[in-house]
Amino acid sequence: MIRQRVFVSGALLIMAIGLIIGYEKGYKPRSEKKREESSQAYGNFDTKKVKRIEITRGEKKDILAAVANGWVVETEANYPADSEALDKALKAAKKLNCGNEVASGDEQLKRFDLDKDKAMEVRLLDEKSKPLADFYVGKRGPTYSSSYFRKAEDKKVCLAYENLIALFDRTNDTWRNKGIFDFNAADCKTLKIEDGSTVIWLDKQAQDNKWVLLEAQNKIPAASWTVDGICQTLAKLKTEGFPNVSLSQAGLEKPTKKVTVKLAGGNSFELQVGLQIKEKQSYYVKRLDQANIFELGLYQVQNLFKKKEELTEKTMDGQALPPPEQALPNMPPKAPPEEAPPKTENK
């Protein structure tokens, strides 16, 4: 009898464990997924179908449009848009759900800044300008990474665990791509730094990937870490703004301060620096091959324009390394010193 009871108890325990495992791994995840899908604000939303974005807050309206090679800001002369930021914003829109309904009604909309007068409206449209998603963003939520929102046709206040304000609101900023250059810093091959009458040439040696400073017929060892830093700054250079000034106002008609980089493969880029912006720690700059004028911080300009002493490799005592010794043409190699005859002991 005892054996039978133990056997039955063991079997029941095994069945119970099996049911629990089945629930946790099967039914429970499926039911939670269904619940999550049913609470999604836009269940069939597909980010790839979005071809136009309209963001309105107060008097400002930003319109972005998809083109063959990315996105442009239609309301800013079709300037290339910050595609990376747009991608993050669209992914956040896809995850919106109303599983956390906070309140509802006209009075509550005002309380959470979700009435039309205060809220930011986001409309995501397809290629035929049909709305795929239309929602309003109000106050920040209880945490920095949360926001209150509502669907355009609804009066329910929902809590999203995304900072929708930071993702979509460019009222005091722009959706334009702030990148000036975008290349691989490791591809830097030569650098030319011009500052008035001073011109510095730097070249990366193919055999050891070390930089040298070219001066007359000499190749002076350069501080490779410092030169690589210039390449890294240039490679991902971003503007701090888009000043609306002319070339003459920016001091960029005939600039005398330039840095030119040539890359492995043949491409080259030149950054031109103009006047310092009044009452700001920044300068007007532009690319040689573009008309756009950018704003670059003083610290970035200082990182790009180093003096010869800063670019030269130093010895332990702070002295510049001399150029490597070069063999003179048509000169035979030095003969090794003659060995002294072995000493003999006097007997």
Protein backbone atom coordinates (compact mmCIF):
# COMPACT_ATOMS: atom_id res chain seq x y z
CA MET A 1 0.00 0.00 0.00
CA ILE A 2 2.76 2.42 0.93
CA ARG A 3 4.54 1.76 -2.36
CA GLN A 4 1.35 2.42 -4.33
CA ARG A 5 0.74 5.66 -2.46
CA VAL A 6 4.33 6.79 -3.10
CA PHE A 7 3.99 5.86 -6.76
CA VAL A 8 0.67 7.70 -7.16
CA SER A 9 1.99 10.77 -5.29
CA GLY A 10 5.12 10.80 -7.46
CA ALA A 11 3.05 10.50 -10.64
CA LEU A 12 0.76 13.32 -9.55
CA LEU A 13 3.77 15.48 -8.69
CA ILE A 14 5.32 14.84 -12.09
CA MET A 15 2.03 15.67 -13.82
CA ALA A 16 1.72 18.89 -11.81
CA ILE A 17 5.27 19.92 -12.70
CA GLY A 18 4.58 19.13 -16.36
CA LEU A 19 1.42 21.25 -16.32
CA ILE A 20 3.27 24.17 -14.71
CA ILE A 21 6.09 23.97 -17.25
CA GLY A 22 3.58 23.72 -20.09
CA TYR A 23 1.72 26.77 -18.80
CA GLU A 24 4.88 28.85 -18.30
CA LYS A 25 6.40 27.95 -21.67
CA GLY A 26 3.31 27.59 -23.77
CA TYR A 27 -0.04 28.99 -22.78
CA LYS A 28 1.16 31.86 -20.58
CA PRO A 29 3.53 33.45 -23.19
CA ARG A 30 0.87 33.06 -25.89
CA SER A 31 -1.81 34.66 -23.75
CA GLU A 32 0.54 37.48 -22.72
CA LYS A 33 1.47 38.05 -26.36
CA LYS A 34 -2.21 38.17 -27.36
CA ARG A 35 -2.89 40.61 -24.52
CA GLU A 36 0.04 42.77 -25.62
CA GLU A 37 -1.06 42.68 -29.26
CA SER A 38 -4.64 43.57 -28.34
CA SER A 39 -3.42 46.59 -26.35
CA GLN A 40 -1.09 47.85 -29.10
CA ALA A 41 -2.10 51.29 -30.30
CA TYR A 42 -1.51 50.34 -33.93
CA GLY A 43 -1.50 46.56 -34.26
CA ASN A 44 -0.65 46.25 -37.96
CA PHE A 45 1.82 49.12 -38.03
CA ASP A 46 4.80 48.48 -40.33
CA THR A 47 7.65 51.00 -40.19
CA LYS A 48 8.68 50.14 -43.75
CA LYS A 49 5.37 51.42 -45.08
CA VAL A 50 5.89 54.90 -43.62
CA LYS A 51 6.76 57.30 -46.46
CA ARG A 52 5.82 60.63 -44.94
CA ILE A 53 5.93 62.06 -41.42
CA GLU A 54 4.16 65.20 -40.21
CA ILE A 55 4.97 66.53 -36.73
CA THR A 56 3.10 69.59 -35.47
CA ARG A 57 3.52 71.54 -32.25
CA GLY A 58 1.97 74.98 -32.03
CA GLU A 59 2.93 77.01 -35.09
CA LYS A 60 5.79 74.77 -36.15
CA LYS A 61 5.26 71.88 -38.53
CA ASP A 62 8.01 69.51 -39.67
CA ILE A 63 7.41 67.38 -42.75
CA LEU A 64 9.76 64.54 -43.64
CA ALA A 65 9.56 62.50 -46.81
CA ALA A 66 11.12 59.20 -47.84
CA VAL A 67 13.23 59.30 -51.00
CA ALA A 68 15.25 56.70 -52.89
CA ASN A 69 18.36 57.02 -50.70
CA GLY A 70 16.84 57.85 -47.30
CA TRP A 71 14.82 60.73 -45.86
CA VAL A 72 14.71 64.49 -46.48
CA VAL A 73 13.26 67.37 -44.48
CA GLU A 74 10.67 68.70 -46.90
CA THR A 75 10.05 71.84 -44.85
CA GLU A 76 13.78 72.70 -44.92
CA ALA A 77 14.50 72.68 -48.66
CA ASN A 78 14.68 68.87 -48.82
CA TYR A 79 17.88 68.80 -46.77
CA PRO A 80 18.98 65.21 -45.89
CA ALA A 81 17.32 64.12 -42.65
CA ASP A 82 18.77 62.45 -39.57
CA SER A 83 17.82 58.92 -40.66
CA GLU A 84 19.18 57.29 -37.51
CA ALA A 85 16.97 59.45 -35.27
CA LEU A 86 13.97 58.79 -37.52
CA ASP A 87 14.54 55.04 -37.31
CA LYS A 88 14.49 55.21 -33.50
CA ALA A 89 11.32 57.32 -33.53
CA LEU A 90 9.49 54.91 -35.86
CA LYS A 91 10.47 51.90 -33.75
CA ALA A 92 9.09 53.67 -30.67
CA ALA A 93 5.82 54.35 -32.52
CA LYS A 94 5.50 50.68 -33.39
CA LYS A 95 5.77 49.72 -29.69
CA LEU A 96 3.06 52.13 -28.51
CA ASN A 97 0.30 50.42 -26.55
CA CYS A 98 -2.57 51.42 -24.31
CA GLY A 99 -2.17 48.62 -21.79
CA ASN A 100 -1.56 51.31 -19.16
CA GLU A 101 -4.63 53.52 -19.46
CA VAL A 102 -4.27 56.39 -16.98
CA ALA A 103 -7.42 58.44 -17.44
CA SER A 104 -9.95 59.59 -20.02
CA GLY A 105 -12.17 62.57 -20.84
CA ASP A 106 -11.68 66.17 -21.93
CA GLU A 107 -10.62 67.44 -18.50
CA GLN A 108 -8.00 64.74 -18.19
CA LEU A 109 -6.62 65.56 -21.63
CA LYS A 110 -5.93 69.11 -20.48
CA ARG A 111 -4.36 67.85 -17.27
CA PHE A 112 -1.83 65.77 -19.22
CA ASP A 113 -1.28 68.40 -21.98
CA LEU A 114 -3.00 66.15 -24.49
CA ASP A 115 -5.51 68.66 -25.80
CA LYS A 116 -4.86 69.96 -29.32
CA ASP A 117 -3.63 73.35 -28.08
CA LYS A 118 -0.70 71.93 -26.08
CA ALA A 119 0.03 68.47 -27.42
CA MET A 120 2.42 67.53 -30.21
CA GLU A 121 0.70 65.67 -33.04
CA VAL A 122 2.55 62.94 -34.95
CA ARG A 123 1.12 61.62 -38.21
CA LEU A 124 2.80 58.69 -39.96
CA LEU A 125 1.56 58.26 -43.53
CA ASP A 126 2.01 55.73 -46.32
CA GLU A 127 2.91 56.45 -49.96
CA LYS A 128 -0.67 57.55 -50.69
CA SER A 129 -0.71 59.85 -47.63
CA LYS A 130 -3.04 57.46 -45.82
CA PRO A 131 -2.52 57.60 -42.01
CA LEU A 132 -0.83 54.52 -40.58
CA ALA A 133 -0.65 56.11 -37.13
CA ASP A 134 -1.88 59.41 -35.73
CA PHE A 135 -1.27 60.28 -32.08
CA TYR A 136 -0.71 63.15 -29.66
CA VAL A 137 2.16 63.40 -27.19
CA GLY A 138 1.68 65.27 -23.91
CA LYS A 139 3.58 65.56 -20.65
CA ARG A 140 6.56 63.50 -19.65
CA GLY A 141 5.63 60.44 -17.59
CA PRO A 142 6.63 59.59 -14.02
CA THR A 143 10.13 58.72 -15.26
CA TYR A 144 12.39 60.40 -17.80
CA SER A 145 11.95 57.50 -20.23
CA SER A 146 8.14 57.59 -20.24
CA SER A 147 5.46 59.81 -21.80
CA TYR A 148 1.71 60.30 -21.85
CA PHE A 149 0.04 59.97 -25.24
CA ARG A 150 -3.32 59.35 -26.85
CA LYS A 151 -4.54 58.20 -30.22
CA ALA A 152 -5.91 61.08 -32.31
CA GLU A 153 -9.44 59.68 -32.39
CA ASP A 154 -9.48 58.67 -28.71
CA LYS A 155 -9.74 60.47 -25.37
CA LYS A 156 -7.99 57.79 -23.35
CA VAL A 157 -4.71 58.88 -21.73
CA CYS A 158 -2.08 56.16 -22.08
CA LEU A 159 1.39 55.79 -20.58
CA ALA A 160 4.21 54.84 -22.96
CA TYR A 161 7.56 53.64 -21.65
CA GLU A 162 9.36 55.68 -24.29
CA ASN A 163 10.61 59.28 -24.16
CA LEU A 164 8.40 60.36 -27.05
CA ILE A 165 9.21 64.04 -26.50
CA ALA A 166 12.94 63.48 -27.00
CA LEU A 167 12.29 61.19 -29.98
CA PHE A 168 9.83 63.35 -31.93
CA ASP A 169 10.01 66.96 -30.70
CA ARG A 170 12.41 69.18 -32.69
CA THR A 171 10.63 72.46 -31.93
CA ASN A 172 13.89 74.12 -30.88
CA ASP A 173 16.10 72.01 -33.11
CA THR A 174 16.03 70.48 -36.58
CA TRP A 175 15.53 67.10 -38.24
CA ARG A 176 18.41 67.85 -40.61
CA ASN A 177 21.36 65.47 -40.62
CA LYS A 178 24.10 67.24 -38.64
CA GLY A 179 26.93 65.17 -40.08
CA ILE A 180 29.58 67.14 -41.96
CA PHE A 181 31.79 64.18 -42.86
CA ASP A 182 31.25 60.44 -42.50
CA PHE A 183 34.15 58.14 -43.36
CA ASN A 184 36.37 55.53 -41.75
CA ALA A 185 39.17 57.23 -39.79
CA ALA A 186 41.45 54.24 -40.43
CA ASP A 187 41.39 55.13 -44.15
CA CYS A 188 43.24 58.43 -43.62
CA LYS A 189 46.34 58.46 -45.82
CA THR A 190 47.55 62.06 -45.92
CA LEU A 191 46.71 65.28 -44.08
CA LYS A 192 47.36 68.87 -45.10
CA ILE A 193 46.85 71.51 -42.43
CA GLU A 194 46.88 75.14 -43.58
CA ASP A 195 46.73 78.06 -41.18
CA GLY A 196 47.60 81.28 -42.97
CA SER A 197 51.14 80.99 -44.37
CA THR A 198 51.84 77.85 -42.31
CA VAL A 199 51.35 74.56 -44.16
CA ILE A 200 51.94 71.16 -42.53
CA TRP A 201 51.98 67.90 -44.53
CA LEU A 202 51.53 64.53 -42.83
CA ASP A 203 51.76 61.14 -44.47
CA LYS A 204 50.97 57.65 -43.18
CA GLN A 205 53.70 55.14 -44.05
CA ALA A 206 52.31 52.00 -45.67
CA GLN A 207 54.90 49.66 -44.18
CA ASP A 208 54.20 50.34 -40.51
CA ASN A 209 51.06 52.58 -40.49
CA LYS A 210 53.00 55.29 -38.67
CA TRP A 211 52.68 58.97 -39.46
CA VAL A 212 55.54 61.19 -40.55
CA LEU A 213 55.75 64.95 -40.94
CA LEU A 214 57.09 65.91 -44.36
CA GLU A 215 59.53 68.81 -44.28
CA ALA A 216 61.86 69.58 -47.21
CA GLN A 217 63.55 66.25 -47.97
CA ASN A 218 63.04 64.89 -44.46
CA LYS A 219 60.44 62.58 -42.95
CA ILE A 220 60.16 63.49 -39.29
CA PRO A 221 58.45 60.94 -37.02
CA ALA A 222 55.04 62.33 -36.05
CA ALA A 223 53.01 61.80 -32.89
CA SER A 224 50.74 59.16 -34.44
CA TRP A 225 48.26 59.24 -31.55
CA THR A 226 47.71 62.99 -32.10
CA VAL A 227 47.41 62.67 -35.89
CA ASP A 228 44.98 59.75 -35.56
CA GLY A 229 42.93 61.98 -33.26
CA ILE A 230 42.62 64.56 -36.06
CA CYS A 231 41.40 61.84 -38.44
CA GLN A 232 38.89 60.55 -35.89
CA THR A 233 37.53 64.07 -35.31
CA LEU A 234 37.14 64.70 -39.05
CA ALA A 235 35.63 61.27 -39.79
CA LYS A 236 32.46 61.83 -37.72
CA LEU A 237 32.39 65.63 -37.62
CA LYS A 238 28.96 67.08 -36.74
CA THR A 239 27.70 70.64 -36.84
CA GLU A 240 26.29 72.44 -33.83
CA GLY A 241 23.92 74.39 -36.05
CA PHE A 242 23.08 75.75 -39.49
CA PRO A 243 23.82 79.52 -39.47
CA ASN A 244 21.87 81.55 -42.00
CA VAL A 245 24.72 83.81 -43.18
CA SER A 246 26.51 84.56 -46.44
CA LEU A 247 30.02 83.41 -47.32
CA SER A 248 31.38 86.92 -46.79
CA GLN A 249 29.66 87.26 -43.40
CA ALA A 250 31.15 83.91 -42.38
CA GLY A 251 34.64 84.80 -43.65
CA LEU A 252 34.51 81.86 -46.05
CA GLU A 253 34.95 83.58 -49.44
CA LYS A 254 38.72 83.08 -49.39
CA PRO A 255 39.46 81.03 -46.29
CA THR A 256 43.08 80.69 -45.18
CA LYS A 257 42.42 78.08 -42.49
CA LYS A 258 41.85 74.62 -44.00
CA VAL A 259 42.42 70.95 -43.31
CA THR A 260 42.43 68.43 -46.17
CA VAL A 261 42.37 64.65 -45.79
CA LYS A 262 43.05 62.12 -48.52
CA LEU A 263 41.77 58.60 -48.00
CA ALA A 264 42.94 55.21 -49.16
CA GLY A 265 41.05 54.70 -52.40
CA GLY A 266 41.50 58.27 -53.63
CA ASN A 267 38.65 60.24 -52.04
CA SER A 268 39.57 63.53 -50.39
CA PHE A 269 37.69 66.04 -48.23
CA GLU A 270 38.51 69.62 -47.30
CA LEU A 271 37.13 71.56 -44.33
CA GLN A 272 37.37 75.34 -44.49
CA VAL A 273 37.23 77.52 -41.35
CA GLY A 274 36.01 81.10 -41.36
CA LEU A 275 35.38 83.69 -38.66
CA GLN A 276 34.57 83.05 -35.03
CA ILE A 277 30.86 83.57 -34.37
CA LYS A 278 30.21 86.67 -32.28
CA GLU A 279 29.63 86.03 -28.59
CA LYS A 280 30.00 82.28 -29.11
CA GLN A 281 32.78 79.76 -28.65
CA SER A 282 32.36 78.45 -32.19
CA TYR A 283 33.34 79.10 -35.81
CA TYR A 284 31.72 79.20 -39.24
CA VAL A 285 32.92 76.27 -41.37
CA LYS A 286 32.05 74.61 -44.66
CA ARG A 287 33.10 71.79 -46.92
CA LEU A 288 34.95 72.67 -50.12
CA ASP A 289 32.43 70.68 -52.21
CA GLN A 290 29.24 72.06 -50.61
CA ALA A 291 27.59 75.45 -50.21
CA ASN A 292 26.16 74.74 -46.73
CA ILE A 293 27.64 76.72 -43.84
CA PHE A 294 27.99 74.91 -40.52
CA GLU A 295 28.83 75.84 -36.95
CA LEU A 296 31.75 74.12 -35.26
CA GLY A 297 32.77 74.41 -31.62
CA LEU A 298 36.06 76.04 -30.67
CA TYR A 299 37.33 72.84 -29.03
CA GLN A 300 36.78 70.88 -32.26
CA VAL A 301 38.65 73.49 -34.32
CA GLN A 302 41.52 73.33 -31.83
CA ASN A 303 41.58 69.53 -32.14
CA LEU A 304 42.00 69.82 -35.91
CA PHE A 305 44.60 72.59 -36.12
CA LYS A 306 47.67 71.50 -34.20
CA LYS A 307 51.03 73.19 -34.28
CA LYS A 308 54.13 71.48 -35.60
CA GLU A 309 55.49 70.99 -32.08
CA GLU A 310 52.29 69.17 -31.07
CA LEU A 311 52.45 66.90 -34.13
CA THR A 312 56.09 65.87 -33.73
CA GLU A 313 56.97 62.74 -31.80
CA LYS A 314 59.06 63.49 -28.72
CA THR A 315 61.80 61.64 -26.89
CA MET A 316 61.63 60.94 -23.16
CA ASP A 317 63.19 64.32 -22.40
CA GLY A 318 60.67 66.17 -24.61
CA GLN A 319 62.98 66.67 -27.62
CA ALA A 320 61.76 66.05 -31.18
CA LEU A 321 63.01 62.81 -32.73
CA PRO A 322 65.51 63.39 -35.55
CA PRO A 323 64.66 62.15 -39.06
CA PRO A 324 65.73 58.55 -39.67
CA GLU A 325 69.22 58.18 -41.12
CA GLN A 326 69.16 57.61 -44.88
CA ALA A 327 71.91 55.80 -46.82
CA LEU A 328 73.76 58.00 -49.33
CA PRO A 329 73.50 56.85 -52.99
CA ASN A 330 76.34 54.75 -54.51
CA MET A 331 78.00 54.25 -51.15
CA PRO A 332 78.96 50.74 -50.14
CA PRO A 333 77.84 49.60 -46.71
CA LYS A 334 80.23 50.16 -43.87
CA ALA A 335 82.59 47.25 -43.26
CA PRO A 336 82.28 45.61 -39.85
CA PRO A 337 85.07 46.57 -37.42
CA GLU A 338 88.06 44.23 -37.44
CA GLU A 339 88.23 41.83 -34.56
CA ALA A 340 91.20 42.28 -32.25
CA PRO A 341 93.63 39.33 -32.22
CA PRO A 342 93.23 37.04 -29.21
CA LYS A 343 95.52 37.79 -26.31
CA THR A 344 98.26 35.19 -25.57
CA GLU A 345 99.44 34.43 -22.08
CA ASN A 346 103.18 34.90 -21.32
CA LYS A 347 104.70 31.75 -19.96
